[in-house]
């Protein structure tokens, strides 16, 4: 498979660690938090910086709403 599909440049952090590895380490079963991390870490490597931050915020707001139900 094409390396651009498997591991595009914006998937790795400046430390060379892939975002997916960070997500699997810290949030392996939490889709919302995984997406927050994904969009924040990749935002600076893409032209859609503000759009990606808004996507991260949307997922974070959903996670907060879910957690507030248990308070």
Protein backbone atom coordinates (compact mmCIF):
# COMPACT_ATOMS: atom_id res chain seq x y z
CA UNK A 1 0.00 0.00 0.00
CA UNK A 2 1.12 3.56 -0.72
CA UNK A 3 3.11 5.06 2.20
CA UNK A 4 1.15 8.34 1.81
CA UNK A 5 -1.98 6.40 2.76
CA UNK A 6 -0.44 4.49 5.65
CA UNK A 7 1.64 7.28 7.18
CA UNK A 8 1.16 10.77 5.72
CA UNK A 9 3.50 13.48 7.00
CA UNK A 10 0.81 15.14 9.14
CA UNK A 11 0.27 11.88 11.10
CA UNK A 12 3.62 12.09 12.91
CA UNK A 13 4.54 14.59 15.60
CA UNK A 14 7.76 16.58 15.38
CA UNK A 15 9.28 13.93 17.63
CA UNK A 16 8.54 11.30 14.99
CA UNK A 17 5.86 9.63 17.10
CA UNK A 18 2.66 8.81 15.26
CA UNK A 19 -0.53 10.29 16.67
CA UNK A 20 -2.18 6.87 16.64
CA UNK A 21 0.48 5.54 19.01
CA UNK A 22 -0.26 8.34 21.49
CA UNK A 23 -4.00 7.72 21.23
CA UNK A 24 -3.63 3.98 21.76
CA UNK A 25 -1.46 4.60 24.81
CA UNK A 26 -3.70 7.12 26.58
CA UNK A 27 -7.24 6.68 25.21
CA UNK A 28 -7.53 3.20 23.65
CA UNK A 29 -11.30 2.94 24.28
CA UNK A 30 -12.49 6.53 24.17
CA UNK A 31 -13.46 7.65 20.66
CA UNK A 32 -14.18 11.25 21.64
CA UNK A 33 -10.89 11.84 23.44
CA UNK A 34 -8.98 10.04 20.70
CA UNK A 35 -10.39 12.51 18.20
CA UNK A 36 -9.55 15.49 20.42
CA UNK A 37 -5.93 14.36 20.53
CA UNK A 38 -5.88 13.56 16.82
CA UNK A 39 -7.20 16.93 15.70
CA UNK A 40 -5.06 18.97 18.09
CA UNK A 41 -1.81 17.18 17.25
CA UNK A 42 -2.37 17.24 13.50
CA UNK A 43 -3.74 20.79 13.27
CA UNK A 44 -0.39 22.52 12.89
CA UNK A 45 0.59 20.27 9.99
CA UNK A 46 -2.46 21.02 7.87
CA UNK A 47 -3.90 24.07 6.17
CA UNK A 48 -7.19 23.66 8.06
CA UNK A 49 -5.67 24.68 11.43
CA UNK A 50 -8.70 26.52 12.82
CA UNK A 51 -11.12 23.94 11.39
CA UNK A 52 -9.21 21.13 13.12
CA UNK A 53 -9.22 23.02 16.42
CA UNK A 54 -12.99 23.44 16.12
CA UNK A 55 -13.36 19.71 15.45
CA UNK A 56 -11.29 18.97 18.56
CA UNK A 57 -13.46 21.35 20.59
CA UNK A 58 -16.63 19.67 19.32
CA UNK A 59 -15.41 16.26 20.51
CA UNK A 60 -14.18 17.70 23.81
CA UNK A 61 -17.54 19.39 24.42
CA UNK A 62 -19.26 16.02 23.83
CA UNK A 63 -16.91 14.33 26.30
CA UNK A 64 -17.56 17.05 28.90
CA UNK A 65 -21.34 16.71 28.42
CA UNK A 66 -21.12 12.96 28.88
CA UNK A 67 -19.07 13.30 32.06
CA UNK A 68 -21.35 16.01 33.50
CA UNK A 69 -24.25 13.55 33.39
CA UNK A 70 -22.45 11.48 36.03
CA UNK A 71 -21.82 14.39 38.42
